[in-house]
Structures are given as structure tokens and as C-alpha cells.
Amino acid sequence: MSAMKPAALALLVALAHPAQAEAPPPVVAQEIEALLDSIESSGCRFNRNGTWYAAEKVRSHLQTKLDYIAKRGKLTSTEQFIDLAASKSSVSGKPYLIQCGSDPEQASRAWLLQKLKALRS
């Protein structure tokens, strides 16, 4: 465990307290669902640990991570979901990337925060 990256260790510690588990606030749940819908319908491809995946597979993967986080801790913001589940691999620590059409690839965190900003406006 000494070789574990600090971010992965912090995630494990944060998720190790199931007594704190509770559903996210309704607005957070709605925003996350809208982001997952945006991913699925984007037609973009996502890079996770060096492999490119279709948007539908990414939605499924992020839903699994969301379910895991929600069962183990208090999810209080959509940004927290983006940071804990949708920005990087919790195993390798590598950032997730997204590429839409012929646009250059970018960090999924930036793409998701842009989508969240548009949802909120």
C-alpha cells in the first residue's frame, strides 16, 4: 500500500466509512444523471488507462463508480462526483480523456465541468 498514489489512498479512506452513506441531494442526482446522459449521447470517445471506449461503455463504467461512491459516502456535489469518479482512474491515477469528432482530445474533467456549467445556466 506504500506505493499507492495519495489520491487513490484518499479516495479509499473517504469511501471506507459506510456509516456516512446517504443519497445525494436531489439537485446533485439530477445533474449527475444529466451529465451521464450527455456522455452517452455525445458520440465522443473516452480514453481510460490507454484504451479508447465508446460513450455508452463510459456511461456504464461511471455509473458503476457512482453507485460505489454513493453506497460508501456522502456525495454532496456534482463537482465531487466529477473529481472522484469521472476525471481519472482510481486504480492508475491517469486522467480520463475525451475526444469528440475531429476536436483535439481533452481531459474529461474539463469537458464535464463545461457541460455542468451549461446545465446550470
Protein backbone atom coordinates (compact mmCIF):
# COMPACT_ATOMS: atom_id res chain seq x y z
CA MET A 1 0.00 0.00 0.00
CA SER A 2 3.00 2.28 0.37
CA ALA A 3 3.21 2.53 -3.43
CA MET A 4 -0.40 3.71 -3.67
CA LYS A 5 -0.82 7.22 -5.05
CA PRO A 6 -2.03 9.79 -2.50
CA ALA A 7 -5.23 10.50 -4.47
CA ALA A 8 -6.15 6.81 -4.61
CA LEU A 9 -5.43 6.44 -0.91
CA ALA A 10 -7.59 9.47 -0.11
CA LEU A 11 -10.42 8.01 -2.19
CA LEU A 12 -10.19 4.69 -0.37
CA VAL A 13 -10.20 6.42 3.01
CA ALA A 14 -13.16 8.60 2.01
CA LEU A 15 -15.11 5.58 0.82
CA ALA A 16 -14.27 3.36 3.78
CA HIS A 17 -16.96 4.85 6.03
CA PRO A 18 -20.29 3.30 5.00
CA ALA A 19 -21.97 4.68 8.12
CA GLN A 20 -22.00 8.08 6.41
CA ALA A 21 -23.77 6.76 3.31
CA GLU A 22 -26.79 8.72 2.18
CA ALA A 23 -28.36 9.66 -1.13
CA PRO A 24 -27.02 12.79 -2.78
CA PRO A 25 -29.26 15.86 -2.71
CA PRO A 26 -31.90 15.70 -5.48
CA VAL A 27 -30.31 18.52 -7.50
CA VAL A 28 -26.95 16.71 -7.42
CA ALA A 29 -28.55 13.44 -8.52
CA GLN A 30 -30.31 15.27 -11.38
CA GLU A 31 -27.12 16.99 -12.52
CA ILE A 32 -25.14 13.74 -12.45
CA GLU A 33 -27.86 11.96 -14.41
CA ALA A 34 -27.83 14.80 -16.98
CA LEU A 35 -24.03 14.53 -17.28
CA LEU A 36 -24.24 10.77 -17.77
CA ASP A 37 -26.91 11.35 -20.43
CA SER A 38 -24.62 13.92 -22.11
CA ILE A 39 -21.79 11.42 -22.18
CA GLU A 40 -23.94 8.66 -23.60
CA SER A 41 -25.43 10.82 -26.36
CA SER A 42 -22.21 12.69 -27.17
CA GLY A 43 -20.85 10.32 -29.79
CA CYS A 44 -17.45 11.06 -28.27
CA ARG A 45 -14.85 8.50 -27.36
CA PHE A 46 -13.16 8.28 -23.97
CA ASN A 47 -9.68 7.14 -23.07
CA ARG A 48 -9.32 5.19 -19.85
CA ASN A 49 -5.89 3.81 -18.97
CA GLY A 50 -4.69 3.98 -22.57
CA THR A 51 -7.73 2.39 -24.22
CA TRP A 52 -10.44 4.26 -26.12
CA TYR A 53 -14.08 3.41 -25.33
CA ALA A 54 -17.42 4.34 -26.88
CA ALA A 55 -19.57 6.75 -24.90
CA GLU A 56 -22.14 4.08 -23.97
CA LYS A 57 -19.47 1.97 -22.24
CA VAL A 58 -18.18 5.04 -20.42
CA ARG A 59 -21.61 5.82 -19.05
CA SER A 60 -21.87 2.28 -17.69
CA HIS A 61 -18.42 2.48 -16.12
CA LEU A 62 -19.12 5.84 -14.48
CA GLN A 63 -22.50 4.62 -13.23
CA THR A 64 -20.73 1.72 -11.52
CA LYS A 65 -18.28 4.14 -9.90
CA LEU A 66 -21.14 6.44 -8.88
CA ASP A 67 -23.02 3.55 -7.27
CA TYR A 68 -19.88 2.54 -5.38
CA ILE A 69 -19.27 6.06 -4.10
CA ALA A 70 -22.91 6.66 -3.18
CA LYS A 71 -23.04 3.45 -1.11
CA ARG A 72 -19.95 4.35 0.85
CA GLY A 73 -20.02 8.05 1.48
CA LYS A 74 -21.87 11.28 1.32
CA LEU A 75 -21.90 12.70 -2.18
CA THR A 76 -22.66 16.39 -1.72
CA SER A 77 -21.91 17.96 -5.10
CA THR A 78 -21.72 17.20 -8.78
CA GLU A 79 -18.16 18.50 -8.79
CA GLN A 80 -17.32 15.88 -6.16
CA PHE A 81 -18.69 13.18 -8.48
CA ILE A 82 -16.59 14.57 -11.35
CA ASP A 83 -13.45 14.62 -9.20
CA LEU A 84 -13.94 11.22 -7.54
CA ALA A 85 -15.39 9.19 -10.40
CA ALA A 86 -15.23 10.88 -13.79
CA SER A 87 -11.83 12.58 -14.04
CA LYS A 88 -9.28 9.84 -13.59
CA SER A 89 -8.73 6.19 -12.92
CA SER A 90 -8.93 5.37 -9.23
CA VAL A 91 -6.54 2.46 -9.91
CA SER A 92 -3.80 4.07 -12.03
CA GLY A 93 -4.42 7.76 -11.30
CA LYS A 94 -4.25 8.51 -15.04
CA PRO A 95 -6.66 11.21 -16.20
CA TYR A 96 -9.56 10.21 -18.41
CA LEU A 97 -9.55 11.85 -21.83
CA ILE A 98 -12.37 12.62 -24.24
CA GLN A 99 -12.33 13.25 -27.97
CA CYS A 100 -15.39 14.43 -29.87
CA GLY A 101 -15.30 14.24 -33.66
CA SER A 102 -12.16 15.84 -35.05
CA ASP A 103 -11.65 18.05 -31.97
CA PRO A 104 -8.42 17.52 -30.06
CA GLU A 105 -8.63 15.26 -27.04
CA GLN A 106 -9.04 16.95 -23.68
CA ALA A 107 -9.30 16.00 -20.03
CA SER A 108 -12.73 14.61 -19.19
CA ARG A 109 -12.82 16.83 -16.09
CA ALA A 110 -12.70 20.00 -18.22
CA TRP A 111 -15.34 18.65 -20.61
CA LEU A 112 -17.66 17.63 -17.78
CA LEU A 113 -17.27 20.94 -15.94
CA GLN A 114 -18.13 22.76 -19.18
CA LYS A 115 -21.24 20.57 -19.57
CA LEU A 116 -22.17 21.22 -15.93
CA LYS A 117 -21.81 24.97 -16.40
CA ALA A 118 -24.11 24.80 -19.43
CA LEU A 119 -26.66 22.75 -17.44
CA ARG A 120 -26.71 25.31 -14.69
CA SER A 121 -27.15 28.33 -16.96
